[in-house]
Amino acid sequence: MKRIVINACGLKSKGGITVFKKLVENNTEVKFYIIYDNFELKQMIGNIENIFIKTPRYFHAILNYFIKEDDLKYINTFDEIIHLGNFGFKTKIKTSTFIQNVLPIVEPFASLRNFILKILYTYSLKISDEIIVQQPHVASLMPASTKIKTIGKIKYKNISQSKNQGFVLIYEDIKNKNPKFIIKFLSELVKLDKNINIVNVSRYQDLAFLNQSNFKNIVVHNKVDTNELINIFKSNSHYIHTSEYETVGLPIYEALESGMKVIVPNEEYINIDNQNIFKYILGDVNSLIETCSISLVSKYLDEANVPIYYEDWNLN
């Protein structure tokens, strides 16, 4: 039986927590030892051997200095350690680091935070025997000498198409998700006279800008979990994605699997062409509205063959 340490410190995002869950669930024959700092993972860990460590994120690259000596010795008896929180600390065993957030790599000077994370990434690349990525476009950002394992796969599936009408978009108040662009194009999107659903995952539950303008036919959904998001997708027909950088863009594939037409930026992270994928120029309101209009009049199918994203986390 393989014995693997999972360093889940730093996992906060929905995508990261989903990765952790799938990794554990798909490897029931592996003996895991979990290091974590997020109580949201507690329920998923169950009876798996674990240790809780609460340390500021910027110290995660030197976490070996904060772990008790006996615990560190125990960690070093395992076959391998997988760091899931974008960077990891040094051990004496095989080291794999999972890269999920690419923003510090592509825009390291956009902020002090990105610059510090870029330094920590560089350290992780240096101490890792293998880098795990989800998509080929992330692999292309890694140093040529780095051993890469790409776990993301695409399969095609016939999906019944939604007969409901309405747009869905996810609003998050961080630069990469383009909240200002969302506010800008909403005033044009309402002119298409379709229901608009905003899934609000920002820090602010009250989207004040909606009260300051004459927005109609808009419903805001707060504190939405994964199951609720899928239900919102299935109750509508079009999903609009606005992120500039993604490792996967998981909502894109969740929307496709829910029978929706998906409107995405013409960016490298979504390089698949499909009858249910419509592309626009990121940052260009006219391009987005034109693409939305085209998608509304595109041929309706009872069933469509669409790309579905999944990950191969088999560690045996």
C-alpha atoms as a PDB file:
ATOM      1  CA  MET A   1       0.000   0.000   0.000  1.00  0.00           C
ATOM      2  CA  LYS A   2       1.284   3.438  -0.948  1.00  0.00           C
ATOM      3  CA  ARG A   3       1.749   5.899   1.893  1.00  0.00           C
ATOM      4  CA  ILE A   4       1.295   9.539   0.854  1.00  0.00           C
ATOM      5  CA  VAL A   5       1.244  12.818   2.771  1.00  0.00           C
ATOM      6  CA  ILE A   6      -1.132  15.481   1.484  1.00  0.00           C
ATOM      7  CA  ASN A   7      -0.221  19.024   2.461  1.00  0.00           C
ATOM      8  CA  ALA A   8      -3.569  20.808   2.154  1.00  0.00           C
ATOM      9  CA  CYS A   9      -2.463  23.968   3.972  1.00  0.00           C
ATOM     10  CA  GLY A  10      -3.567  27.023   2.046  1.00  0.00           C
ATOM     11  CA  LEU A  11      -6.573  25.406   0.358  1.00  0.00           C
ATOM     12  CA  LYS A  12      -9.424  27.898   0.509  1.00  0.00           C
ATOM     13  CA  SER A  13     -11.045  28.102  -2.932  1.00  0.00           C
ATOM     14  CA  LYS A  14     -13.954  25.976  -4.134  1.00  0.00           C
ATOM     15  CA  GLY A  15     -11.716  24.527  -6.855  1.00  0.00           C
ATOM     16  CA  GLY A  16      -8.923  23.620  -4.438  1.00  0.00           C
ATOM     17  CA  ILE A  17     -11.291  21.941  -1.985  1.00  0.00           C
ATOM     18  CA  THR A  18     -12.869  19.989  -4.861  1.00  0.00           C
ATOM     19  CA  VAL A  19      -9.408  18.781  -5.916  1.00  0.00           C
ATOM     20  CA  PHE A  20      -8.691  17.613  -2.359  1.00  0.00           C
ATOM     21  CA  LYS A  21     -11.988  15.744  -2.165  1.00  0.00           C
ATOM     22  CA  LYS A  22     -11.471  13.971  -5.503  1.00  0.00           C
ATOM     23  CA  LEU A  23      -7.875  13.064  -4.658  1.00  0.00           C
ATOM     24  CA  VAL A  24      -8.908  11.344  -1.436  1.00  0.00           C
ATOM     25  CA  GLU A  25     -12.063   9.710  -2.831  1.00  0.00           C
ATOM     26  CA  ASN A  26     -10.295   8.283  -5.896  1.00  0.00           C
ATOM     27  CA  ASN A  27      -7.497   6.618  -3.919  1.00  0.00           C
ATOM     28  CA  THR A  28      -9.126   4.419  -1.294  1.00  0.00           C
ATOM     29  CA  GLU A  29      -6.162   1.989  -1.423  1.00  0.00           C
ATOM     30  CA  VAL A  30      -3.666   4.684  -0.402  1.00  0.00           C
ATOM     31  CA  LYS A  31      -2.739   5.383   3.222  1.00  0.00           C
ATOM     32  CA  PHE A  32      -2.935   9.154   3.602  1.00  0.00           C
ATOM     33  CA  TYR A  33      -1.617  11.523   6.232  1.00  0.00           C
ATOM     34  CA  ILE A  34      -3.254  14.954   5.927  1.00  0.00           C
ATOM     35  CA  ILE A  35      -1.740  18.285   6.952  1.00  0.00           C
ATOM     36  CA  TYR A  36      -4.370  21.028   6.851  1.00  0.00           C
ATOM     37  CA  ASP A  37      -5.299  24.469   8.189  1.00  0.00           C
ATOM     38  CA  ASN A  38      -8.886  24.852   6.952  1.00  0.00           C
ATOM     39  CA  PHE A  39     -11.704  23.488   9.138  1.00  0.00           C
ATOM     40  CA  GLU A  40     -13.870  23.161   6.006  1.00  0.00           C
ATOM     41  CA  LEU A  41     -11.765  20.103   5.118  1.00  0.00           C
ATOM     42  CA  LYS A  42     -12.361  18.427   8.479  1.00  0.00           C
ATOM     43  CA  GLN A  43     -15.526  16.640   7.357  1.00  0.00           C
ATOM     44  CA  MET A  44     -13.833  15.347   4.196  1.00  0.00           C
ATOM     45  CA  ILE A  45     -10.861  13.987   6.146  1.00  0.00           C
ATOM     46  CA  GLY A  46     -13.042  11.743   8.294  1.00  0.00           C
ATOM     47  CA  ASN A  47     -10.972   9.023   9.970  1.00  0.00           C
ATOM     48  CA  ILE A  48      -7.826   9.633   7.908  1.00  0.00           C
ATOM     49  CA  GLU A  49      -4.755  10.308  10.024  1.00  0.00           C
ATOM     50  CA  ASN A  50      -4.150  14.053  10.107  1.00  0.00           C
ATOM     51  CA  ILE A  51      -2.532  17.037  11.776  1.00  0.00           C
ATOM     52  CA  PHE A  52      -3.983  20.562  11.999  1.00  0.00           C
ATOM     53  CA  ILE A  53      -1.438  23.398  11.720  1.00  0.00           C
ATOM     54  CA  LYS A  54      -2.446  27.057  11.786  1.00  0.00           C
ATOM     55  CA  THR A  55       0.398  29.091  10.288  1.00  0.00           C
ATOM     56  CA  PRO A  56       0.290  32.292   8.182  1.00  0.00           C
ATOM     57  CA  ARG A  57       0.236  31.471   4.465  1.00  0.00           C
ATOM     58  CA  TYR A  58       3.562  33.137   3.682  1.00  0.00           C
ATOM     59  CA  PHE A  59       5.295  30.704   6.039  1.00  0.00           C
ATOM     60  CA  HIS A  60       3.931  27.619   4.270  1.00  0.00           C
ATOM     61  CA  ALA A  61       7.092  27.253   2.189  1.00  0.00           C
ATOM     62  CA  ILE A  62       9.076  26.749   5.404  1.00  0.00           C
ATOM     63  CA  LEU A  63       6.396  24.811   7.265  1.00  0.00           C
ATOM     64  CA  ASN A  64       9.005  22.200   8.218  1.00  0.00           C
ATOM     65  CA  TYR A  65      10.293  24.702  10.809  1.00  0.00           C
ATOM     66  CA  PHE A  66       6.819  24.956  12.402  1.00  0.00           C
ATOM     67  CA  ILE A  67       6.000  21.242  12.532  1.00  0.00           C
ATOM     68  CA  LYS A  68       6.969  19.354  15.672  1.00  0.00           C
ATOM     69  CA  GLU A  69      10.124  17.298  15.267  1.00  0.00           C
ATOM     70  CA  ASP A  70       8.361  13.970  15.879  1.00  0.00           C
ATOM     71  CA  ASP A  71       5.646  14.834  13.353  1.00  0.00           C
ATOM     72  CA  LEU A  72       8.261  15.793  10.760  1.00  0.00           C
ATOM     73  CA  LYS A  73      10.115  12.524  11.318  1.00  0.00           C
ATOM     74  CA  TYR A  74       6.851  10.654  10.819  1.00  0.00           C
ATOM     75  CA  ILE A  75       6.157  12.556   7.588  1.00  0.00           C
ATOM     76  CA  ASN A  76       9.569  11.521   6.293  1.00  0.00           C
ATOM     77  CA  THR A  77       8.656   7.831   6.684  1.00  0.00           C
ATOM     78  CA  PHE A  78       6.051   8.131   3.924  1.00  0.00           C
ATOM     79  CA  ASP A  79       6.664   7.447   0.229  1.00  0.00           C
ATOM     80  CA  GLU A  80       5.712  10.853  -1.084  1.00  0.00           C
ATOM     81  CA  ILE A  81       4.278  14.249  -0.191  1.00  0.00           C
ATOM     82  CA  ILE A  82       1.855  16.138  -2.445  1.00  0.00           C
ATOM     83  CA  HIS A  83       1.553  19.871  -1.793  1.00  0.00           C
ATOM     84  CA  LEU A  84      -1.897  21.060  -2.918  1.00  0.00           C
ATOM     85  CA  GLY A  85      -1.686  24.710  -1.866  1.00  0.00           C
ATOM     86  CA  ASN A  86       0.441  25.981  -4.796  1.00  0.00           C
ATOM     87  CA  PHE A  87       3.767  25.692  -2.954  1.00  0.00           C
ATOM     88  CA  GLY A  88       5.328  23.403  -0.399  1.00  0.00           C
ATOM     89  CA  PHE A  89       8.062  22.863   2.163  1.00  0.00           C
ATOM     90  CA  LYS A  90      11.169  20.699   2.097  1.00  0.00           C
ATOM     91  CA  THR A  91      11.142  17.064   3.232  1.00  0.00           C
ATOM     92  CA  LYS A  92      13.344  14.003   2.659  1.00  0.00           C
ATOM     93  CA  ILE A  93      10.770  12.165   0.531  1.00  0.00           C
ATOM     94  CA  LYS A  94       9.581  12.477  -3.058  1.00  0.00           C
ATOM     95  CA  THR A  95       7.901  15.854  -3.498  1.00  0.00           C
ATOM     96  CA  SER A  96       5.083  16.761  -5.877  1.00  0.00           C
ATOM     97  CA  THR A  97       3.588  20.256  -5.975  1.00  0.00           C
ATOM     98  CA  PHE A  98       0.180  21.016  -7.451  1.00  0.00           C
ATOM     99  CA  ILE A  99      -0.063  24.408  -9.197  1.00  0.00           C
ATOM    100  CA  GLN A 100      -3.594  25.803  -9.213  1.00  0.00           C
ATOM    101  CA  ASN A 101      -3.269  29.596  -9.234  1.00  0.00           C
ATOM    102  CA  VAL A 102      -1.321  30.846 -12.277  1.00  0.00           C
ATOM    103  CA  LEU A 103      -1.800  34.588 -11.703  1.00  0.00           C
ATOM    104  CA  PRO A 104       1.452  35.069  -9.694  1.00  0.00           C
ATOM    105  CA  ILE A 105       3.312  33.357 -12.536  1.00  0.00           C
ATOM    106  CA  VAL A 106       1.880  35.351 -15.439  1.00  0.00           C
ATOM    107  CA  GLU A 107       1.604  38.696 -13.604  1.00  0.00           C
ATOM    108  CA  PRO A 108       4.167  38.609 -10.764  1.00  0.00           C
ATOM    109  CA  PHE A 109       4.495  42.399 -10.622  1.00  0.00           C
ATOM    110  CA  ALA A 110       0.769  43.162 -10.603  1.00  0.00           C
ATOM    111  CA  SER A 111       0.828  43.374  -6.807  1.00  0.00           C
ATOM    112  CA  LEU A 112       3.107  42.817  -3.830  1.00  0.00           C
ATOM    113  CA  ARG A 113       1.127  39.664  -3.041  1.00  0.00           C
ATOM    114  CA  ASN A 114       1.745  38.244  -6.513  1.00  0.00           C
ATOM    115  CA  PHE A 115       5.438  39.085  -6.273  1.00  0.00           C
ATOM    116  CA  ILE A 116       5.822  37.260  -2.954  1.00  0.00           C
ATOM    117  CA  LEU A 117       3.848  34.273  -4.236  1.00  0.00           C
ATOM    118  CA  LYS A 118       6.056  34.172  -7.347  1.00  0.00           C
ATOM    119  CA  ILE A 119       9.118  33.851  -5.084  1.00  0.00           C
ATOM    120  CA  LEU A 120       7.453  31.042  -3.148  1.00  0.00           C
ATOM    121  CA  TYR A 121       6.473  29.312  -6.415  1.00  0.00           C
ATOM    122  CA  THR A 122      10.076  29.488  -7.621  1.00  0.00           C
ATOM    123  CA  TYR A 123      11.224  27.860  -4.397  1.00  0.00           C
ATOM    124  CA  SER A 124       8.614  25.117  -4.756  1.00  0.00           C
ATOM    125  CA  LEU A 125       9.680  24.379  -8.326  1.00  0.00           C
ATOM    126  CA  LYS A 126      13.248  24.042  -7.124  1.00  0.00           C
ATOM    127  CA  ILE A 127      12.527  21.543  -4.322  1.00  0.00           C
ATOM    128  CA  SER A 128       9.904  19.502  -6.218  1.00  0.00           C
ATOM    129  CA  ASP A 129      10.605  16.275  -8.068  1.00  0.00           C
ATOM    130  CA  GLU A 130       7.395  16.753 -10.044  1.00  0.00           C
ATOM    131  CA  ILE A 131       4.900  19.533 -10.737  1.00  0.00           C
ATOM    132  CA  ILE A 132       1.232  18.598 -11.090  1.00  0.00           C
ATOM    133  CA  VAL A 133      -0.932  20.791 -13.333  1.00  0.00           C
ATOM    134  CA  GLN A 134      -4.510  20.548 -14.537  1.00  0.00           C
ATOM    135  CA  GLN A 135      -4.185  21.769 -18.114  1.00  0.00           C
ATOM    136  CA  PRO A 136      -1.462  21.886 -20.834  1.00  0.00           C
ATOM    137  CA  HIS A 137      -1.459  25.702 -20.924  1.00  0.00           C
ATOM    138  CA  VAL A 138      -0.285  25.708 -17.282  1.00  0.00           C
ATOM    139  CA  ALA A 139       2.429  23.160 -18.094  1.00  0.00           C
ATOM    140  CA  SER A 140       3.764  25.585 -20.730  1.00  0.00           C
ATOM    141  CA  LEU A 141       4.412  28.161 -17.962  1.00  0.00           C
ATOM    142  CA  MET A 142       6.738  25.813 -16.067  1.00  0.00           C
ATOM    143  CA  PRO A 143      10.548  25.707 -16.588  1.00  0.00           C
ATOM    144  CA  ALA A 144      11.574  23.380 -19.421  1.00  0.00           C
ATOM    145  CA  SER A 145      13.640  21.206 -17.085  1.00  0.00           C
ATOM    146  CA  THR A 146      10.686  20.516 -14.751  1.00  0.00           C
ATOM    147  CA  LYS A 147       9.007  17.107 -14.746  1.00  0.00           C
ATOM    148  CA  ILE A 148       5.305  17.717 -15.356  1.00  0.00           C
ATOM    149  CA  LYS A 149       2.262  15.574 -14.685  1.00  0.00           C
ATOM    150  CA  THR A 150      -0.965  16.811 -16.325  1.00  0.00           C
ATOM    151  CA  ILE A 151      -4.032  15.374 -14.598  1.00  0.00           C
ATOM    152  CA  GLY A 152      -6.807  17.205 -16.468  1.00  0.00           C
ATOM    153  CA  LYS A 153      -8.634  15.218 -19.141  1.00  0.00           C
ATOM    154  CA  ILE A 154     -11.515  15.905 -21.505  1.00  0.00           C
ATOM    155  CA  LYS A 155     -14.240  13.473 -22.474  1.00  0.00           C
ATOM    156  CA  TYR A 156     -17.289  14.130 -24.629  1.00  0.00           C
ATOM    157  CA  LYS A 157     -20.796  13.387 -23.483  1.00  0.00           C
ATOM    158  CA  ASN A 158     -24.272  13.772 -24.986  1.00  0.00           C
ATOM    159  CA  ILE A 159     -26.194  16.180 -22.760  1.00  0.00           C
ATOM    160  CA  SER A 160     -29.868  17.142 -22.890  1.00  0.00           C
ATOM    161  CA  GLN A 161     -30.110  20.855 -23.528  1.00  0.00           C
ATOM    162  CA  SER A 162     -31.833  23.290 -21.192  1.00  0.00           C
ATOM    163  CA  LYS A 163     -35.252  24.477 -22.353  1.00  0.00           C
ATOM    164  CA  ASN A 164     -35.206  27.337 -19.852  1.00  0.00           C
ATOM    165  CA  GLN A 165     -34.188  30.891 -20.689  1.00  0.00           C
ATOM    166  CA  GLY A 166     -31.809  33.208 -18.894  1.00  0.00           C
ATOM    167  CA  PHE A 167     -28.190  34.222 -18.399  1.00  0.00           C
ATOM    168  CA  VAL A 168     -25.958  33.264 -15.463  1.00  0.00           C
ATOM    169  CA  LEU A 169     -22.680  34.924 -14.471  1.00  0.00           C
ATOM    170  CA  ILE A 170     -20.458  34.654 -11.423  1.00  0.00           C
ATOM    171  CA  TYR A 171     -19.441  37.894  -9.727  1.00  0.00           C
ATOM    172  CA  GLU A 172     -16.300  38.032  -7.601  1.00  0.00           C
ATOM    173  CA  ASP A 173     -14.566  41.233  -6.517  1.00  0.00           C
ATOM    174  CA  ILE A 174     -11.017  40.270  -7.488  1.00  0.00           C
ATOM    175  CA  LYS A 175      -9.161  41.706 -10.475  1.00  0.00           C
ATOM    176  CA  ASN A 176      -8.762  38.436 -12.369  1.00  0.00           C
ATOM    177  CA  LYS A 177     -12.541  37.923 -12.419  1.00  0.00           C
ATOM    178  CA  ASN A 178     -13.054  41.343 -14.042  1.00  0.00           C
ATOM    179  CA  PRO A 179     -15.798  42.755 -11.777  1.00  0.00           C
ATOM    180  CA  LYS A 180     -15.570  46.212 -13.396  1.00  0.00           C
ATOM    181  CA  PHE A 181     -16.115  44.646 -16.810  1.00  0.00           C
ATOM    182  CA  ILE A 182     -19.178  42.802 -15.486  1.00  0.00           C
ATOM    183  CA  ILE A 183     -20.676  46.052 -14.199  1.00  0.00           C
ATOM    184  CA  LYS A 184     -19.922  47.703 -17.535  1.00  0.00           C
ATOM    185  CA  PHE A 185     -21.591  45.106 -19.752  1.00  0.00           C
ATOM    186  CA  LEU A 186     -24.627  44.474 -17.513  1.00  0.00           C
ATOM    187  CA  SER A 187     -26.255  47.705 -18.675  1.00  0.00           C
ATOM    188  CA  GLU A 188     -26.042  46.401 -22.253  1.00  0.00           C
ATOM    189  CA  LEU A 189     -26.966  42.804 -21.411  1.00  0.00           C
ATOM    190  CA  VAL A 190     -30.312  43.840 -19.895  1.00  0.00           C
ATOM    191  CA  LYS A 191     -31.288  45.260 -23.311  1.00  0.00           C
ATOM    192  CA  LEU A 192     -31.525  41.686 -24.615  1.00  0.00           C
ATOM    193  CA  ASP A 193     -34.580  41.401 -22.339  1.00  0.00           C
ATOM    194  CA  LYS A 194     -33.632  38.079 -20.756  1.00  0.00           C
ATOM    195  CA  ASN A 195     -33.492  37.113 -17.097  1.00  0.00           C
ATOM    196  CA  ILE A 196     -30.024  37.565 -15.592  1.00  0.00           C
ATOM    197  CA  ASN A 197     -28.779  35.595 -12.571  1.00  0.00           C
ATOM    198  CA  ILE A 198     -25.730  36.842 -10.691  1.00  0.00           C
ATOM    199  CA  VAL A 199     -24.044  34.271  -8.471  1.00  0.00           C
ATOM    200  CA  ASN A 200     -22.327  36.500  -5.930  1.00  0.00           C
ATOM    201  CA  VAL A 201     -19.189  34.965  -4.416  1.00  0.00           C
ATOM    202  CA  SER A 202     -17.624  38.289  -3.458  1.00  0.00           C
ATOM    203  CA  ARG A 203     -16.928  39.488   0.065  1.00  0.00           C
ATOM    204  CA  TYR A 204     -19.875  41.849  -0.235  1.00  0.00           C
ATOM    205  CA  GLN A 205     -23.336  40.307  -0.011  1.00  0.00           C
ATOM    206  CA  ASP A 206     -24.962  43.547  -1.130  1.00  0.00           C
ATOM    207  CA  LEU A 207     -24.022  44.469  -4.700  1.00  0.00           C
ATOM    208  CA  ALA A 208     -24.566  48.196  -4.307  1.00  0.00           C
ATOM    209  CA  PHE A 209     -24.019  48.970  -8.002  1.00  0.00           C
ATOM    210  CA  LEU A 210     -27.286  47.194  -8.829  1.00  0.00           C
ATOM    211  CA  ASN A 211     -29.175  49.700  -6.690  1.00  0.00           C
ATOM    212  CA  GLN A 212     -27.496  52.672  -8.330  1.00  0.00           C
ATOM    213  CA  SER A 213     -28.598  51.837 -11.875  1.00  0.00           C
ATOM    214  CA  ASN A 214     -31.793  50.905 -13.632  1.00  0.00           C
ATOM    215  CA  PHE A 215     -31.076  47.183 -13.853  1.00  0.00           C
ATOM    216  CA  LYS A 216     -34.103  44.999 -14.451  1.00  0.00           C
ATOM    217  CA  ASN A 217     -34.679  41.264 -14.598  1.00  0.00           C
ATOM    218  CA  ILE A 218     -31.674  40.614 -12.346  1.00  0.00           C
ATOM    219  CA  VAL A 219     -31.651  38.118  -9.489  1.00  0.00           C
ATOM    220  CA  VAL A 220     -28.664  37.927  -7.119  1.00  0.00           C
ATOM    221  CA  HIS A 221     -27.832  34.580  -5.501  1.00  0.00           C
ATOM    222  CA  ASN A 222     -25.697  34.790  -2.330  1.00  0.00           C
ATOM    223  CA  LYS A 223     -23.877  32.027  -0.427  1.00  0.00           C
ATOM    224  CA  VAL A 224     -24.348  29.448  -3.170  1.00  0.00           C
ATOM    225  CA  ASP A 225     -22.841  25.984  -2.726  1.00  0.00           C
ATOM    226  CA  THR A 226     -21.921  23.613  -5.577  1.00  0.00           C
ATOM    227  CA  ASN A 227     -25.302  21.870  -5.731  1.00  0.00           C
ATOM    228  CA  GLU A 228     -27.166  25.189  -5.738  1.00  0.00           C
ATOM    229  CA  LEU A 229     -24.919  26.503  -8.519  1.00  0.00           C
ATOM    230  CA  ILE A 230     -25.685  23.458 -10.678  1.00  0.00           C
ATOM    231  CA  ASN A 231     -29.420  23.975 -10.076  1.00  0.00           C
ATOM    232  CA  ILE A 232     -29.097  27.622 -11.149  1.00  0.00           C
ATOM    233  CA  PHE A 233     -27.277  26.472 -14.294  1.00  0.00           C
ATOM    234  CA  LYS A 234     -29.994  23.940 -15.113  1.00  0.00           C
ATOM    235  CA  SER A 235     -32.692  26.587 -14.647  1.00  0.00           C
ATOM    236  CA  ASN A 236     -31.146  28.830 -17.317  1.00  0.00           C
ATOM    237  CA  SER A 237     -29.756  28.618 -20.840  1.00  0.00           C
ATOM    238  CA  HIS A 238     -26.555  30.710 -21.052  1.00  0.00           C
ATOM    239  CA  TYR A 239     -23.474  31.046 -18.847  1.00  0.00           C
ATOM    240  CA  ILE A 240     -21.072  34.002 -19.271  1.00  0.00           C
ATOM    241  CA  HIS A 241     -17.469  33.513 -18.081  1.00  0.00           C
ATOM    242  CA  THR A 242     -15.276  36.594 -17.576  1.00  0.00           C
ATOM    243  CA  SER A 243     -11.960  35.482 -16.029  1.00  0.00           C
ATOM    244  CA  GLU A 244      -8.749  36.548 -17.711  1.00  0.00           C
ATOM    245  CA  TYR A 245      -6.580  33.749 -16.334  1.00  0.00           C
ATOM    246  CA  GLU A 246      -7.673  30.264 -15.335  1.00  0.00           C
ATOM    247  CA  THR A 247      -6.083  26.929 -14.640  1.00  0.00           C
ATOM    248  CA  VAL A 248      -9.300  25.156 -15.681  1.00  0.00           C
ATOM    249  CA  GLY A 249     -12.349  27.409 -15.558  1.00  0.00           C
ATOM    250  CA  LEU A 250     -14.421  24.669 -13.902  1.00  0.00           C
ATOM    251  CA  PRO A 251     -17.793  26.556 -14.112  1.00  0.00           C
ATOM    252  CA  ILE A 252     -17.437  26.446 -17.910  1.00  0.00           C
ATOM    253  CA  TYR A 253     -17.572  22.656 -17.909  1.00  0.00           C
ATOM    254  CA  GLU A 254     -20.199  22.509 -15.160  1.00  0.00           C
ATOM    255  CA  ALA A 255     -22.404  24.765 -17.280  1.00  0.00           C
ATOM    256  CA  LEU A 256     -21.854  22.641 -20.406  1.00  0.00           C
ATOM    257  CA  GLU A 257     -22.748  19.510 -18.449  1.00  0.00           C
ATOM    258  CA  SER A 258     -25.898  21.292 -17.234  1.00  0.00           C
ATOM    259  CA  GLY A 259     -27.078  21.724 -20.829  1.00  0.00           C
ATOM    260  CA  MET A 260     -26.158  25.387 -21.226  1.00  0.00           C
ATOM    261  CA  LYS A 261     -24.616  27.422 -23.995  1.00  0.00           C
ATOM    262  CA  VAL A 262     -21.384  28.929 -22.677  1.00  0.00           C
ATOM    263  CA  ILE A 263     -19.933  32.315 -23.594  1.00  0.00           C
ATOM    264  CA  VAL A 264     -16.208  32.532 -22.860  1.00  0.00           C
ATOM    265  CA  PRO A 265     -13.245  34.830 -23.533  1.00  0.00           C
ATOM    266  CA  ASN A 266     -11.128  33.871 -26.531  1.00  0.00           C
ATOM    267  CA  GLU A 267      -8.250  32.942 -24.215  1.00  0.00           C
ATOM    268  CA  GLU A 268      -5.776  30.056 -24.154  1.00  0.00           C
ATOM    269  CA  TYR A 269      -7.305  28.333 -21.137  1.00  0.00           C
ATOM    270  CA  ILE A 270     -10.403  27.403 -23.167  1.00  0.00           C
ATOM    271  CA  ASN A 271      -8.986  26.182 -26.478  1.00  0.00           C
ATOM    272  CA  ILE A 272     -11.847  23.802 -27.273  1.00  0.00           C
ATOM    273  CA  ASP A 273     -14.269  24.521 -30.095  1.00  0.00           C
ATOM    274  CA  ASN A 274     -17.780  23.186 -29.665  1.00  0.00           C
ATOM    275  CA  GLN A 275     -21.261  24.011 -30.888  1.00  0.00           C
ATOM    276  CA  ASN A 276     -22.205  25.146 -27.360  1.00  0.00           C
ATOM    277  CA  ILE A 277     -19.120  27.347 -26.824  1.00  0.00           C
ATOM    278  CA  PHE A 278     -19.211  30.952 -28.071  1.00  0.00           C
ATOM    279  CA  LYS A 279     -16.128  33.167 -27.793  1.00  0.00           C
ATOM    280  CA  TYR A 280     -15.745  36.919 -27.362  1.00  0.00           C
ATOM    281  CA  ILE A 281     -12.881  39.391 -27.016  1.00  0.00           C
ATOM    282  CA  LEU A 282     -12.182  39.908 -23.319  1.00  0.00           C
ATOM    283  CA  GLY A 283     -12.736  43.496 -22.184  1.00  0.00           C
ATOM    284  CA  ASP A 284     -14.759  44.388 -25.295  1.00  0.00           C
ATOM    285  CA  VAL A 285     -18.402  44.993 -24.313  1.00  0.00           C
ATOM    286  CA  ASN A 286     -19.596  45.129 -27.935  1.00  0.00           C
ATOM    287  CA  SER A 287     -17.903  41.801 -28.679  1.00  0.00           C
ATOM    288  CA  LEU A 288     -19.546  40.180 -25.653  1.00  0.00           C
ATOM    289  CA  ILE A 289     -23.037  41.494 -26.427  1.00  0.00           C
ATOM    290  CA  GLU A 290     -22.700  40.467 -30.076  1.00  0.00           C
ATOM    291  CA  THR A 291     -21.618  36.976 -28.982  1.00  0.00           C
ATOM    292  CA  CYS A 292     -24.570  36.744 -26.576  1.00  0.00           C
ATOM    293  CA  SER A 293     -26.925  37.726 -29.392  1.00  0.00           C
ATOM    294  CA  ILE A 294     -25.427  35.115 -31.727  1.00  0.00           C
ATOM    295  CA  SER A 295     -25.778  32.423 -29.068  1.00  0.00           C
ATOM    296  CA  LEU A 296     -29.459  33.308 -28.558  1.00  0.00           C
ATOM    297  CA  VAL A 297     -30.321  32.697 -32.212  1.00  0.00           C
ATOM    298  CA  SER A 298     -28.076  29.668 -32.707  1.00  0.00           C
ATOM    299  CA  LYS A 299     -29.766  26.405 -33.600  1.00  0.00           C
ATOM    300  CA  TYR A 300     -31.498  24.714 -30.669  1.00  0.00           C
ATOM    301  CA  LEU A 301     -30.692  21.040 -30.137  1.00  0.00           C
ATOM    302  CA  ASP A 302     -32.490  18.590 -27.880  1.00  0.00           C
ATOM    303  CA  GLU A 303     -29.112  17.026 -27.165  1.00  0.00           C
ATOM    304  CA  ALA A 304     -25.531  18.178 -27.723  1.00  0.00           C
ATOM    305  CA  ASN A 305     -22.142  16.463 -27.567  1.00  0.00           C
ATOM    306  CA  VAL A 306     -20.090  18.653 -25.227  1.00  0.00           C
ATOM    307  CA  PRO A 307     -16.643  18.504 -23.576  1.00  0.00           C
ATOM    308  CA  ILE A 308     -16.634  17.422 -19.923  1.00  0.00           C
ATOM    309  CA  TYR A 309     -13.592  18.049 -17.748  1.00  0.00           C
ATOM    310  CA  TYR A 310     -12.331  15.482 -15.256  1.00  0.00           C
ATOM    311  CA  GLU A 311      -9.099  14.737 -13.427  1.00  0.00           C
ATOM    312  CA  ASP A 312      -7.103  11.527 -13.242  1.00  0.00           C
ATOM    313  CA  TRP A 313      -5.946  11.414  -9.608  1.00  0.00           C
ATOM    314  CA  ASN A 314      -5.100   7.701  -9.584  1.00  0.00           C
ATOM    315  CA  LEU A 315      -1.954   7.457  -7.417  1.00  0.00           C
ATOM    316  CA  ASN A 316      -1.473   3.691  -7.608  1.00  0.00           C
END
